[in-house]
Amino acid sequence: MAKRLIIEGRVQGVGYRATLANEAAALGLQGWVRNRSDGSVEAVVDGDAQAVDAIIAWARRGPPAAVVSKVAIEDTEPPPRGTFKITASH
């Protein structure tokens, strides 16, 4: 089950990407996360439904310094198989 997330709010410069990557890896998810030029964070997550639901719930909270105002979620194609990684900004 692959989902694309766009997370808005105070989510850059607060450890959001690194913490999301750690949480996703701990849940056994595959995919990637990156900053976007508009100040949001984008992630593609893939794995079993329960793990994807768990990372979506986490994304709505974020790390302690983050202030999440919105999480947009859409179905997407699964990312290449591998680990969860932080990619270059877009």
C-alpha atoms as a PDB file:
ATOM      1  CA  MET A   1       0.000   0.000   0.000  1.00  0.00           C
ATOM      2  CA  ALA A   2       1.820   3.121  -1.212  1.00  0.00           C
ATOM      3  CA  LYS A   3       0.857   6.664  -0.224  1.00  0.00           C
ATOM      4  CA  ARG A   4       2.237  10.096  -1.036  1.00  0.00           C
ATOM      5  CA  LEU A   5       2.122  12.601   1.825  1.00  0.00           C
ATOM      6  CA  ILE A   6       2.496  16.362   1.652  1.00  0.00           C
ATOM      7  CA  ILE A   7       3.000  17.757   5.154  1.00  0.00           C
ATOM      8  CA  GLU A   8       2.506  21.481   5.728  1.00  0.00           C
ATOM      9  CA  GLY A   9       3.231  23.737   8.683  1.00  0.00           C
ATOM     10  CA  ARG A  10       6.495  24.354  10.529  1.00  0.00           C
ATOM     11  CA  VAL A  11       8.104  21.168   9.242  1.00  0.00           C
ATOM     12  CA  GLN A  12      11.489  22.283   7.892  1.00  0.00           C
ATOM     13  CA  GLY A  13      14.439  22.935  10.182  1.00  0.00           C
ATOM     14  CA  VAL A  14      12.882  20.977  13.048  1.00  0.00           C
ATOM     15  CA  GLY A  15      14.202  17.466  12.362  1.00  0.00           C
ATOM     16  CA  TYR A  16      11.027  16.358  10.616  1.00  0.00           C
ATOM     17  CA  ARG A  17      12.637  14.449   7.720  1.00  0.00           C
ATOM     18  CA  ALA A  18      15.170  12.579   9.843  1.00  0.00           C
ATOM     19  CA  THR A  19      12.597  11.638  12.451  1.00  0.00           C
ATOM     20  CA  LEU A  20      10.049  10.539   9.841  1.00  0.00           C
ATOM     21  CA  ALA A  21      12.729   8.411   8.151  1.00  0.00           C
ATOM     22  CA  ASN A  22      13.600   6.752  11.485  1.00  0.00           C
ATOM     23  CA  GLU A  23       9.931   6.132  12.328  1.00  0.00           C
ATOM     24  CA  ALA A  24       9.228   4.718   8.859  1.00  0.00           C
ATOM     25  CA  ALA A  25      12.255   2.411   8.974  1.00  0.00           C
ATOM     26  CA  ALA A  26      11.235   1.176  12.437  1.00  0.00           C
ATOM     27  CA  LEU A  27       7.803   0.326  11.002  1.00  0.00           C
ATOM     28  CA  GLY A  28       9.399  -1.620   8.145  1.00  0.00           C
ATOM     29  CA  LEU A  29       8.283   0.859   5.502  1.00  0.00           C
ATOM     30  CA  GLN A  30      10.105   1.639   2.292  1.00  0.00           C
ATOM     31  CA  GLY A  31      10.215   4.968   0.510  1.00  0.00           C
ATOM     32  CA  TRP A  32      11.671   8.421   0.833  1.00  0.00           C
ATOM     33  CA  VAL A  33      11.168  11.886   2.340  1.00  0.00           C
ATOM     34  CA  ARG A  34      12.336  15.318   1.155  1.00  0.00           C
ATOM     35  CA  ASN A  35      11.883  19.037   1.732  1.00  0.00           C
ATOM     36  CA  ARG A  36       9.978  20.994  -0.913  1.00  0.00           C
ATOM     37  CA  SER A  37      10.785  24.527  -2.017  1.00  0.00           C
ATOM     38  CA  ASP A  38       7.409  25.764  -0.733  1.00  0.00           C
ATOM     39  CA  GLY A  39       8.338  24.884   2.876  1.00  0.00           C
ATOM     40  CA  SER A  40       6.398  21.631   3.036  1.00  0.00           C
ATOM     41  CA  VAL A  41       7.755  18.086   3.338  1.00  0.00           C
ATOM     42  CA  GLU A  42       6.896  15.332   0.853  1.00  0.00           C
ATOM     43  CA  ALA A  43       7.119  11.606   1.545  1.00  0.00           C
ATOM     44  CA  VAL A  44       6.266   8.396  -0.268  1.00  0.00           C
ATOM     45  CA  VAL A  45       5.684   5.445   2.043  1.00  0.00           C
ATOM     46  CA  ASP A  46       5.032   1.830   1.125  1.00  0.00           C
ATOM     47  CA  GLY A  47       4.327  -1.208   3.249  1.00  0.00           C
ATOM     48  CA  ASP A  48       1.531  -3.036   4.970  1.00  0.00           C
ATOM     49  CA  ALA A  49      -1.627  -1.074   5.690  1.00  0.00           C
ATOM     50  CA  GLN A  50      -1.163  -1.002   9.471  1.00  0.00           C
ATOM     51  CA  ALA A  51       2.366   0.427   9.178  1.00  0.00           C
ATOM     52  CA  VAL A  52       1.276   3.015   6.601  1.00  0.00           C
ATOM     53  CA  ASP A  53      -1.605   4.076   8.873  1.00  0.00           C
ATOM     54  CA  ALA A  54       0.849   4.373  11.779  1.00  0.00           C
ATOM     55  CA  ILE A  55       3.246   6.645   9.854  1.00  0.00           C
ATOM     56  CA  ILE A  56       0.328   8.799   8.683  1.00  0.00           C
ATOM     57  CA  ALA A  57      -0.765   9.205  12.314  1.00  0.00           C
ATOM     58  CA  TRP A  58       2.820  10.121  13.243  1.00  0.00           C
ATOM     59  CA  ALA A  59       3.053  12.573  10.301  1.00  0.00           C
ATOM     60  CA  ARG A  60       0.078  14.492  11.699  1.00  0.00           C
ATOM     61  CA  ARG A  61       2.059  15.086  14.927  1.00  0.00           C
ATOM     62  CA  GLY A  62       5.689  15.165  13.782  1.00  0.00           C
ATOM     63  CA  PRO A  63       8.664  15.601  16.093  1.00  0.00           C
ATOM     64  CA  PRO A  64       8.344  17.850  19.180  1.00  0.00           C
ATOM     65  CA  ALA A  65       9.544  21.074  17.474  1.00  0.00           C
ATOM     66  CA  ALA A  66       7.206  20.705  14.475  1.00  0.00           C
ATOM     67  CA  VAL A  67       3.797  22.311  14.082  1.00  0.00           C
ATOM     68  CA  VAL A  68       1.829  20.348  11.490  1.00  0.00           C
ATOM     69  CA  SER A  69      -1.106  22.215   9.980  1.00  0.00           C
ATOM     70  CA  LYS A  70      -2.104  19.793   7.198  1.00  0.00           C
ATOM     71  CA  VAL A  71      -1.278  16.361   5.800  1.00  0.00           C
ATOM     72  CA  ALA A  72      -2.540  15.655   2.274  1.00  0.00           C
ATOM     73  CA  ILE A  73      -2.612  11.958   1.388  1.00  0.00           C
ATOM     74  CA  GLU A  74      -3.014  10.303  -1.994  1.00  0.00           C
ATOM     75  CA  ASP A  75      -2.460   6.861  -3.482  1.00  0.00           C
ATOM     76  CA  THR A  76       0.728   6.526  -5.514  1.00  0.00           C
ATOM     77  CA  GLU A  77       2.968   4.025  -7.225  1.00  0.00           C
ATOM     78  CA  PRO A  78       5.275   2.106  -4.867  1.00  0.00           C
ATOM     79  CA  PRO A  79       8.832   3.452  -4.680  1.00  0.00           C
ATOM     80  CA  PRO A  80      11.760   1.250  -5.736  1.00  0.00           C
ATOM     81  CA  ARG A  81      12.370  -1.529  -3.247  1.00  0.00           C
ATOM     82  CA  GLY A  82      14.969  -0.764  -0.619  1.00  0.00           C
ATOM     83  CA  THR A  83      15.273   1.099   2.625  1.00  0.00           C
ATOM     84  CA  PHE A  84      13.679   4.351   3.695  1.00  0.00           C
ATOM     85  CA  LYS A  85      15.836   7.348   2.780  1.00  0.00           C
ATOM     86  CA  ILE A  86      16.058  11.107   2.826  1.00  0.00           C
ATOM     87  CA  THR A  87      16.376  12.500  -0.704  1.00  0.00           C
ATOM     88  CA  ALA A  88      17.427  15.860  -2.120  1.00  0.00           C
ATOM     89  CA  SER A  89      15.079  18.793  -1.786  1.00  0.00           C
ATOM     90  CA  HIS A  90      12.592  19.437  -4.548  1.00  0.00           C
END
